[in-house]
């Protein structure tokens, strides 16, 4: 059985909600750790579906003679279920999915049976590349509208003028009311060179936008100088490319006059645990424990192998309610090990690690294998990490600012970023 470790919200949670994307950087086989909280699809942000089954618990009484009773239940369904099309394979698949969702109700949104196609999506996401049109999306299953939240530079969508706040009504004529983020992602993605047609609501007009799918690199680390001498680095998510891209940014910024650093992880759902550890190793003293894993009652300290690039400049970290998992890990490590000031709003509170084990038939099981804690032993599972300086800002304003390549305009539009610069100026 091949195994991979995840700590993110990349893939869709068990009850049709989005994850991310699971953390990312997963090889074709072997072990990978991902940390995330929402899906990372076209790439995409988070879905908003609810769970039809509100009671995921199982009867508390002891279940004896398990194998025998399982066979009896399976036989009864095969012989007596109203739908004669139900097969033994259907029941085994449902049983595995049920085990993952019911074994620990509080973790059911992360524990999931993954289909072969979902495995392919996850591994592509973890490598930071997909074949699609280059948009980040969010879906409301109640209406079926798909909000365009981000457009990746140089992508087919970017060249066609797709941009927030566009709403996708149909993909190749398909409506999405009652469906999930995964459904939309699966239809938007496809083979390179093929055309997908989006019906887009733009203001009061409905326009048809044909896009030719191509390989898109996403969640890239970007950097610039803002406010004259402050280095700004945005990390949208953690994948196999993130540590090297962060290294390059941290190496480049001082040559451009940066005397302090803002690390922006707002709307970052997390991603690959291993790559998040490697990334934060660029910013903390060598040999530091940046996170600890609690696995089956044993605590395992994690020390990056990365050689730090930057240790002198004061740091501010931007977070919000969508900052999750690996991104929370990095924020806490910098707060405790580099005395970074955390600015923004309370984070998502997803402090668990998932592992993906491949099954022989091409499916895989994703399940919670550890809780994680900050270097000081703190965990914010389920509650979120409160910032040192709380500053509210609308999601639309944050996303608009993050897409503006003009540092002057970005600073003018972003009150959280301006606050971070004010904090850094006081600390000099």
Protein backbone atom coordinates (compact mmCIF):
# COMPACT_ATOMS: atom_id res chain seq x y z
CA UNK A 1 0.00 0.00 0.00
CA UNK A 2 1.48 3.36 -1.05
CA UNK A 3 1.12 6.19 1.45
CA UNK A 4 1.05 9.95 1.33
CA UNK A 5 0.68 12.41 4.21
CA UNK A 6 -1.48 15.50 3.91
CA UNK A 7 -2.14 18.53 6.09
CA UNK A 8 -4.33 20.74 3.94
CA UNK A 9 -7.76 21.61 2.78
CA UNK A 10 -7.24 20.77 -0.88
CA UNK A 11 -9.64 18.00 -1.59
CA UNK A 12 -13.32 18.15 -0.94
CA UNK A 13 -14.24 17.20 2.61
CA UNK A 14 -16.42 14.19 3.18
CA UNK A 15 -19.76 15.99 3.12
CA UNK A 16 -19.26 17.74 -0.21
CA UNK A 17 -17.34 20.68 1.15
CA UNK A 18 -14.10 21.87 -0.29
CA UNK A 19 -10.34 21.13 1.39
CA UNK A 20 -7.52 22.07 -0.33
CA UNK A 21 -6.01 20.88 -1.74
CA UNK A 22 -4.94 19.10 0.30
CA UNK A 23 -1.40 20.77 1.15
CA UNK A 24 0.39 19.69 -1.95
CA UNK A 25 3.59 18.24 -3.25
CA UNK A 26 2.53 14.65 -3.36
CA UNK A 27 4.63 12.25 -5.42
CA UNK A 28 3.13 9.43 -7.43
CA UNK A 29 3.86 7.15 -4.53
CA UNK A 30 5.57 7.27 -1.15
CA UNK A 31 4.80 9.44 1.86
CA UNK A 32 3.68 13.06 1.75
CA UNK A 33 2.24 15.26 4.43
CA UNK A 34 -0.32 17.92 3.63
CA UNK A 35 -1.88 20.61 5.71
CA UNK A 36 -4.94 22.44 4.49
CA UNK A 37 -8.57 23.26 5.04
CA UNK A 38 -10.40 23.96 1.81
CA UNK A 39 -10.31 22.78 -1.75
CA UNK A 40 -7.76 24.08 -4.18
CA UNK A 41 -9.19 23.31 -7.53
CA UNK A 42 -9.14 25.20 -10.78
CA UNK A 43 -7.46 26.10 -8.40
CA UNK A 44 -10.41 27.03 -6.24
CA UNK A 45 -11.10 28.39 -2.81
CA UNK A 46 -13.89 27.05 -0.63
CA UNK A 47 -17.33 25.70 -1.37
CA UNK A 48 -20.38 26.41 0.76
CA UNK A 49 -22.46 23.25 0.66
CA UNK A 50 -24.11 21.87 3.75
CA UNK A 51 -24.22 18.27 4.87
CA UNK A 52 -27.49 16.46 4.36
CA UNK A 53 -26.67 13.99 7.13
CA UNK A 54 -26.50 16.07 10.28
CA UNK A 55 -25.83 13.12 12.62
CA UNK A 56 -22.60 11.34 11.72
CA UNK A 57 -22.47 9.39 14.97
CA UNK A 58 -22.72 5.62 15.28
CA UNK A 59 -24.54 3.69 18.04
CA UNK A 60 -22.37 3.69 21.17
CA UNK A 61 -23.04 0.09 22.14
CA UNK A 62 -20.24 -2.40 21.51
CA UNK A 63 -20.36 -4.03 18.07
CA UNK A 64 -19.34 -7.69 18.54
CA UNK A 65 -18.63 -10.44 16.01
CA UNK A 66 -17.84 -7.70 13.55
CA UNK A 67 -16.79 -9.71 10.50
CA UNK A 68 -19.74 -12.07 10.75
CA UNK A 69 -22.26 -9.26 11.15
CA UNK A 70 -20.71 -7.30 8.31
CA UNK A 71 -21.21 -10.28 6.01
CA UNK A 72 -24.81 -10.66 7.19
CA UNK A 73 -25.54 -7.00 6.48
CA UNK A 74 -23.91 -7.23 3.06
CA UNK A 75 -25.87 -10.36 2.18
CA UNK A 76 -29.16 -8.75 3.28
CA UNK A 77 -28.57 -5.72 1.08
CA UNK A 78 -27.54 -7.78 -1.93
CA UNK A 79 -30.60 -10.00 -1.65
CA UNK A 80 -33.25 -7.63 -0.33
CA UNK A 81 -32.40 -4.04 -1.25
CA UNK A 82 -35.03 -2.48 -3.51
CA UNK A 83 -32.50 -1.51 -6.18
CA UNK A 84 -31.37 -4.64 -7.99
CA UNK A 85 -28.48 -2.74 -9.52
CA UNK A 86 -26.55 -2.59 -6.23
CA UNK A 87 -23.43 -4.76 -6.51
CA UNK A 88 -21.00 -6.20 -4.00
CA UNK A 89 -18.40 -3.67 -5.17
CA UNK A 90 -20.90 -0.86 -4.48
CA UNK A 91 -21.33 -2.09 -0.92
CA UNK A 92 -17.61 -2.45 -0.25
CA UNK A 93 -16.99 1.06 -1.59
CA UNK A 94 -19.78 2.44 0.61
CA UNK A 95 -18.39 0.55 3.60
CA UNK A 96 -14.92 2.06 3.19
CA UNK A 97 -16.38 5.54 2.70
CA UNK A 98 -18.58 5.02 5.75
CA UNK A 99 -15.65 3.92 7.90
CA UNK A 100 -13.77 7.11 7.08
CA UNK A 101 -16.72 9.42 7.74
CA UNK A 102 -18.08 7.69 10.84
CA UNK A 103 -15.01 6.43 12.69
CA UNK A 104 -14.49 9.91 14.20
CA UNK A 105 -17.42 12.31 13.57
CA UNK A 106 -15.44 15.42 14.44
CA UNK A 107 -12.95 14.65 11.65
CA UNK A 108 -15.48 13.58 9.02
CA UNK A 109 -14.95 16.65 6.86
CA UNK A 110 -11.31 15.65 6.36
CA UNK A 111 -11.55 11.83 6.25
CA UNK A 112 -12.60 10.67 2.80
CA UNK A 113 -12.48 7.91 0.21
CA UNK A 114 -10.80 9.39 -2.87
CA UNK A 115 -11.60 8.22 -6.38
CA UNK A 116 -8.83 7.76 -8.97
CA UNK A 117 -9.73 11.09 -10.61
CA UNK A 118 -9.57 12.91 -7.28
CA UNK A 119 -6.14 11.41 -6.64
CA UNK A 120 -4.92 12.78 -9.96
CA UNK A 121 -6.29 16.23 -9.07
CA UNK A 122 -4.68 16.15 -5.64
CA UNK A 123 -1.26 15.24 -6.96
CA UNK A 124 -1.41 17.88 -9.66
CA UNK A 125 -2.44 20.45 -7.05
CA UNK A 126 0.46 19.45 -4.82
CA UNK A 127 2.86 20.05 -7.67
CA UNK A 128 1.43 23.52 -8.28
CA UNK A 129 0.36 22.80 -11.86
CA UNK A 130 -2.93 21.81 -13.48
CA UNK A 131 -4.52 21.76 -16.93
CA UNK A 132 -7.33 24.29 -16.86
CA UNK A 133 -8.10 27.93 -17.55
CA UNK A 134 -6.41 29.63 -14.60
CA UNK A 135 -9.16 30.74 -12.23
CA UNK A 136 -9.75 30.39 -8.52
CA UNK A 137 -13.43 29.83 -7.81
CA UNK A 138 -16.01 29.56 -5.05
CA UNK A 139 -19.40 27.92 -5.53
CA UNK A 140 -22.75 28.41 -3.84
CA UNK A 141 -24.62 25.11 -4.38
CA UNK A 142 -27.92 26.73 -3.38
CA UNK A 143 -27.86 29.03 -6.42
CA UNK A 144 -25.40 27.19 -8.60
CA UNK A 145 -23.44 30.40 -9.24
CA UNK A 146 -19.66 30.07 -9.37
CA UNK A 147 -17.81 33.18 -8.23
CA UNK A 148 -14.50 33.99 -9.87
CA UNK A 149 -12.27 34.88 -6.93
CA UNK A 150 -8.83 34.95 -8.58
CA UNK A 151 -7.37 34.87 -12.08
CA UNK A 152 -3.81 33.67 -12.59
CA UNK A 153 -1.56 35.93 -14.69
CA UNK A 154 -0.87 34.71 -18.20
CA UNK A 155 -3.64 32.08 -18.07
CA UNK A 156 -6.37 31.59 -20.70
CA UNK A 157 -8.87 33.30 -18.39
CA UNK A 158 -6.52 36.26 -17.90
CA UNK A 159 -6.05 36.71 -21.64
CA UNK A 160 -9.84 36.55 -22.16
CA UNK A 161 -10.51 39.28 -19.60
CA UNK A 162 -12.19 37.08 -17.00
CA UNK A 163 -11.90 38.74 -13.59
CA UNK A 164 -13.66 39.11 -10.22
CA UNK A 165 -16.56 39.74 -9.63
CA UNK A 166 -17.58 37.67 -12.68
CA UNK A 167 -20.03 34.86 -11.92
CA UNK A 168 -19.97 31.64 -13.95
CA UNK A 169 -23.52 30.47 -14.62
CA UNK A 170 -22.77 27.41 -16.77
CA UNK A 171 -19.77 25.39 -17.93
CA UNK A 172 -20.37 23.89 -21.38
CA UNK A 173 -24.08 24.48 -20.76
CA UNK A 174 -24.20 22.70 -17.40
CA UNK A 175 -25.88 24.33 -14.38
CA UNK A 176 -24.52 23.72 -10.85
CA UNK A 177 -27.42 24.28 -8.48
CA UNK A 178 -27.18 21.63 -5.77
CA UNK A 179 -23.76 20.49 -6.98
CA UNK A 180 -20.31 20.89 -5.46
CA UNK A 181 -17.04 22.63 -6.10
CA UNK A 182 -15.60 19.32 -7.27
CA UNK A 183 -18.28 19.06 -9.97
CA UNK A 184 -17.42 22.50 -11.30
CA UNK A 185 -13.69 21.89 -11.14
CA UNK A 186 -13.98 18.59 -12.98
CA UNK A 187 -15.87 20.29 -15.83
CA UNK A 188 -13.54 23.29 -16.10
CA UNK A 189 -10.41 21.18 -16.13
CA UNK A 190 -9.67 18.75 -18.92
CA UNK A 191 -7.18 18.04 -21.67
CA UNK A 192 -4.75 20.70 -22.87
CA UNK A 193 -5.79 22.19 -26.19
CA UNK A 194 -9.51 21.49 -25.76
CA UNK A 195 -12.05 24.32 -25.48
CA UNK A 196 -14.37 24.87 -22.54
CA UNK A 197 -17.12 27.51 -22.79
CA UNK A 198 -18.09 29.53 -19.73
CA UNK A 199 -21.36 31.43 -19.56
CA UNK A 200 -20.51 34.43 -17.40
CA UNK A 201 -22.78 36.92 -15.67
CA UNK A 202 -20.98 40.26 -15.81
CA UNK A 203 -23.03 43.03 -14.30
CA UNK A 204 -26.43 42.72 -15.98
CA UNK A 205 -25.10 40.95 -19.08
CA UNK A 206 -24.63 37.26 -19.81
CA UNK A 207 -21.61 36.63 -22.03
CA UNK A 208 -20.21 33.45 -23.53
CA UNK A 209 -16.46 33.02 -23.08
CA UNK A 210 -14.72 30.12 -24.89
CA UNK A 211 -11.33 29.25 -23.36
CA UNK A 212 -8.69 26.81 -24.57
CA UNK A 213 -7.36 24.76 -21.67
CA UNK A 214 -3.63 24.78 -21.07
CA UNK A 215 -1.17 23.89 -18.35
CA UNK A 216 -1.39 26.55 -15.65
CA UNK A 217 1.07 27.19 -12.85
CA UNK A 218 -0.77 28.45 -9.76
CA UNK A 219 -0.25 29.41 -6.14
CA UNK A 220 3.09 30.95 -7.03
CA UNK A 221 4.95 33.02 -4.48
CA UNK A 222 5.01 36.67 -5.57
CA UNK A 223 6.99 39.56 -4.14
CA UNK A 224 7.43 43.32 -4.48
CA UNK A 225 8.56 46.39 -2.56
CA UNK A 226 5.77 48.41 -0.92
CA UNK A 227 5.93 51.63 1.08
CA UNK A 228 9.44 52.39 -0.18
CA UNK A 229 11.48 49.82 1.77
CA UNK A 230 9.22 46.96 2.90
CA UNK A 231 9.45 43.60 1.21
CA UNK A 232 6.04 42.08 0.52
CA UNK A 233 5.71 38.32 -0.14
CA UNK A 234 2.42 36.56 -0.86
CA UNK A 235 2.09 32.78 -0.39
CA UNK A 236 -1.31 31.65 -1.78
CA UNK A 237 -0.66 28.01 -0.83
CA UNK A 238 2.11 25.51 -0.18
CA UNK A 239 3.18 23.11 -2.91
CA UNK A 240 6.38 21.58 -4.26
CA UNK A 241 7.48 24.88 -5.81
CA UNK A 242 6.89 27.08 -2.75
CA UNK A 243 10.18 26.66 -0.80
CA UNK A 244 12.35 27.52 -3.81
CA UNK A 245 10.11 30.43 -4.84
CA UNK A 246 10.19 31.84 -1.31
CA UNK A 247 13.96 31.43 -1.22
CA UNK A 248 14.26 33.41 -4.45
CA UNK A 249 11.99 36.16 -3.11
CA UNK A 250 13.88 36.48 0.17
CA UNK A 251 17.17 36.62 -1.74
CA UNK A 252 15.92 39.26 -4.18
CA UNK A 253 14.14 41.69 -1.84
CA UNK A 254 17.18 43.01 0.10
CA UNK A 255 18.85 43.94 -3.20
CA UNK A 256 15.80 46.12 -3.89
CA UNK A 257 16.12 47.93 -0.56
CA UNK A 258 13.83 45.88 1.71
CA UNK A 259 14.51 46.55 5.39
CA UNK A 260 11.53 44.61 6.76
CA UNK A 261 9.15 41.92 5.55
CA UNK A 262 5.39 41.36 5.24
CA UNK A 263 4.36 37.76 4.62
CA UNK A 264 0.80 37.62 3.23
CA UNK A 265 -1.05 34.32 3.80
CA UNK A 266 -4.61 35.62 3.65
CA UNK A 267 -6.93 33.22 1.80
CA UNK A 268 -4.19 30.58 1.94
CA UNK A 269 -5.86 27.19 2.64
CA UNK A 270 -2.54 25.55 3.46
CA UNK A 271 -1.12 22.78 1.35
CA UNK A 272 1.81 20.43 1.64
CA UNK A 273 2.97 20.01 5.20
CA UNK A 274 6.51 19.10 4.17
CA UNK A 275 6.77 22.09 1.86
CA UNK A 276 5.40 24.44 4.53
CA UNK A 277 8.05 23.17 6.95
CA UNK A 278 10.76 23.70 4.33
CA UNK A 279 9.43 27.18 3.56
CA UNK A 280 9.34 28.42 7.14
CA UNK A 281 12.86 27.03 7.55
CA UNK A 282 13.96 29.91 5.29
CA UNK A 283 12.96 32.37 8.00
CA UNK A 284 13.74 30.80 11.41
CA UNK A 285 17.03 29.93 13.13
CA UNK A 286 18.61 26.71 11.91
CA UNK A 287 17.78 23.72 14.10
CA UNK A 288 14.52 25.19 15.39
CA UNK A 289 11.49 23.01 16.00
CA UNK A 290 8.83 24.73 13.88
CA UNK A 291 5.93 22.38 14.66
CA UNK A 292 5.20 19.20 16.58
CA UNK A 293 2.95 16.32 15.59
CA UNK A 294 0.85 14.41 18.13
CA UNK A 295 0.42 10.93 16.65
CA UNK A 296 -1.31 8.26 18.69
CA UNK A 297 -0.20 9.85 21.96
CA UNK A 298 3.42 10.44 20.92
CA UNK A 299 4.82 13.90 20.20
CA UNK A 300 7.22 14.26 17.27
CA UNK A 301 9.13 17.55 16.90
CA UNK A 302 9.72 18.66 13.29
CA UNK A 303 12.90 20.55 12.39
CA UNK A 304 13.38 21.94 8.85
CA UNK A 305 16.44 20.90 6.88
CA UNK A 306 16.37 24.27 5.12
CA UNK A 307 19.19 26.77 5.64
CA UNK A 308 17.68 30.14 6.65
CA UNK A 309 17.99 33.06 4.23
CA UNK A 310 16.68 35.94 6.32
CA UNK A 311 16.96 36.32 10.08
CA UNK A 312 17.53 40.03 10.75
CA UNK A 313 14.55 41.87 9.29
CA UNK A 314 11.41 42.44 11.40
CA UNK A 315 8.41 40.49 10.10
CA UNK A 316 4.65 41.05 10.01
CA UNK A 317 2.31 38.23 8.93
CA UNK A 318 -1.09 38.88 7.34
CA UNK A 319 -3.85 36.32 8.06
CA UNK A 320 -7.63 36.07 7.79
CA UNK A 321 -10.50 33.63 8.33
CA UNK A 322 -9.41 31.58 5.30
CA UNK A 323 -5.82 31.18 6.49
CA UNK A 324 -5.67 27.49 7.37
CA UNK A 325 -3.57 24.49 8.20
CA UNK A 326 -0.02 24.80 6.80
CA UNK A 327 -0.44 28.56 6.61
CA UNK A 328 -1.45 28.64 10.29
CA UNK A 329 1.59 26.50 11.08
CA UNK A 330 3.89 29.02 9.42
CA UNK A 331 2.21 32.02 11.08
CA UNK A 332 2.53 30.48 14.55
CA UNK A 333 6.16 29.46 14.00
CA UNK A 334 7.13 32.97 12.88
CA UNK A 335 5.22 34.54 15.77
CA UNK A 336 7.03 32.40 18.34
CA UNK A 337 10.48 31.98 16.78
CA UNK A 338 10.91 35.35 15.03
CA UNK A 339 8.62 37.52 17.18
CA UNK A 340 6.60 38.32 14.06
CA UNK A 341 3.51 40.46 14.51
CA UNK A 342 0.38 38.75 13.18
CA UNK A 343 -2.09 41.21 11.62
CA UNK A 344 -5.62 40.64 10.29
CA UNK A 345 -8.44 38.44 11.56
CA UNK A 346 -8.73 35.09 13.32
CA UNK A 347 -7.60 32.11 11.25
CA UNK A 348 -9.66 29.07 10.26
CA UNK A 349 -8.47 26.71 13.01
CA UNK A 350 -7.56 23.57 11.03
CA UNK A 351 -4.70 22.04 13.01
CA UNK A 352 -4.87 18.42 11.88
CA UNK A 353 -2.76 16.38 9.48
CA UNK A 354 -4.19 13.96 6.94
CA UNK A 355 -2.46 11.01 5.28
CA UNK A 356 -3.36 9.55 1.91
CA UNK A 357 -2.84 5.81 1.49
CA UNK A 358 -3.20 4.39 -1.99
CA UNK A 359 -5.42 1.32 -2.36
CA UNK A 360 -4.66 -1.48 -4.83
CA UNK A 361 -7.67 -0.63 -7.07
CA UNK A 362 -6.65 2.99 -7.76
CA UNK A 363 -8.72 4.54 -4.99
CA UNK A 364 -7.13 6.00 -1.86
CA UNK A 365 -8.13 6.74 1.71
CA UNK A 366 -7.49 10.15 3.24
CA UNK A 367 -7.60 10.13 7.03
CA UNK A 368 -6.44 12.16 10.02
CA UNK A 369 -3.12 10.84 11.31
CA UNK A 370 -2.01 13.62 13.66
CA UNK A 371 -2.77 16.89 15.37
CA UNK A 372 -0.13 19.59 15.15
CA UNK A 373 0.98 22.28 17.55
CA UNK A 374 3.16 25.39 17.44
CA UNK A 375 6.80 25.37 18.67
CA UNK A 376 5.50 26.40 22.11
CA UNK A 377 2.95 23.58 22.11
CA UNK A 378 -0.13 25.67 21.31
CA UNK A 379 -2.96 24.34 19.17
CA UNK A 380 -5.88 26.32 17.77
CA UNK A 381 -7.82 23.38 16.37
CA UNK A 382 -11.45 24.34 15.86
CA UNK A 383 -11.06 27.88 17.22
CA UNK A 384 -8.49 29.64 15.07
CA UNK A 385 -5.44 31.70 15.92
CA UNK A 386 -6.16 35.29 16.97
CA UNK A 387 -3.93 37.99 15.43
CA UNK A 388 -1.77 40.28 17.56
CA UNK A 389 -3.36 43.25 15.79
CA UNK A 390 -6.94 42.68 14.66
CA UNK A 391 -8.03 44.55 11.54
CA UNK A 392 -11.20 43.61 9.69
CA UNK A 393 -11.36 43.82 5.91
CA UNK A 394 -13.91 42.57 3.39
CA UNK A 395 -12.89 39.54 1.34
CA UNK A 396 -13.49 41.37 -1.92
CA UNK A 397 -11.19 44.18 -0.88
CA UNK A 398 -8.43 41.74 0.06
CA UNK A 399 -8.71 39.79 -3.17
CA UNK A 400 -8.76 42.97 -5.27
CA UNK A 401 -5.65 44.26 -3.53
CA UNK A 402 -3.83 40.95 -3.93
CA UNK A 403 -4.36 41.02 -7.69
CA UNK A 404 -3.07 44.58 -8.15
CA UNK A 405 0.50 44.60 -9.43
CA UNK A 406 0.97 48.31 -8.69
CA UNK A 407 2.43 48.56 -5.14
CA UNK A 408 1.04 52.07 -4.63
CA UNK A 409 -2.49 51.04 -5.56
CA UNK A 410 -2.21 47.83 -3.58
CA UNK A 411 -1.22 49.70 -0.46
CA UNK A 412 -4.00 52.27 -0.94
CA UNK A 413 -6.64 49.53 -1.27
CA UNK A 414 -5.47 47.31 1.59
CA UNK A 415 -5.99 48.53 5.16
CA UNK A 416 -4.54 45.33 6.64
CA UNK A 417 -1.33 45.77 4.65
CA UNK A 418 -1.12 49.44 5.68
CA UNK A 419 -1.52 48.36 9.31
CA UNK A 420 1.29 45.83 8.93
CA UNK A 421 3.59 48.55 7.57
CA UNK A 422 2.68 50.84 10.47
CA UNK A 423 3.50 48.04 12.94
CA UNK A 424 6.87 47.45 11.26
CA UNK A 425 7.76 51.15 11.23
CA UNK A 426 7.18 51.38 14.99
CA UNK A 427 9.41 48.38 15.57
CA UNK A 428 12.44 49.77 13.77
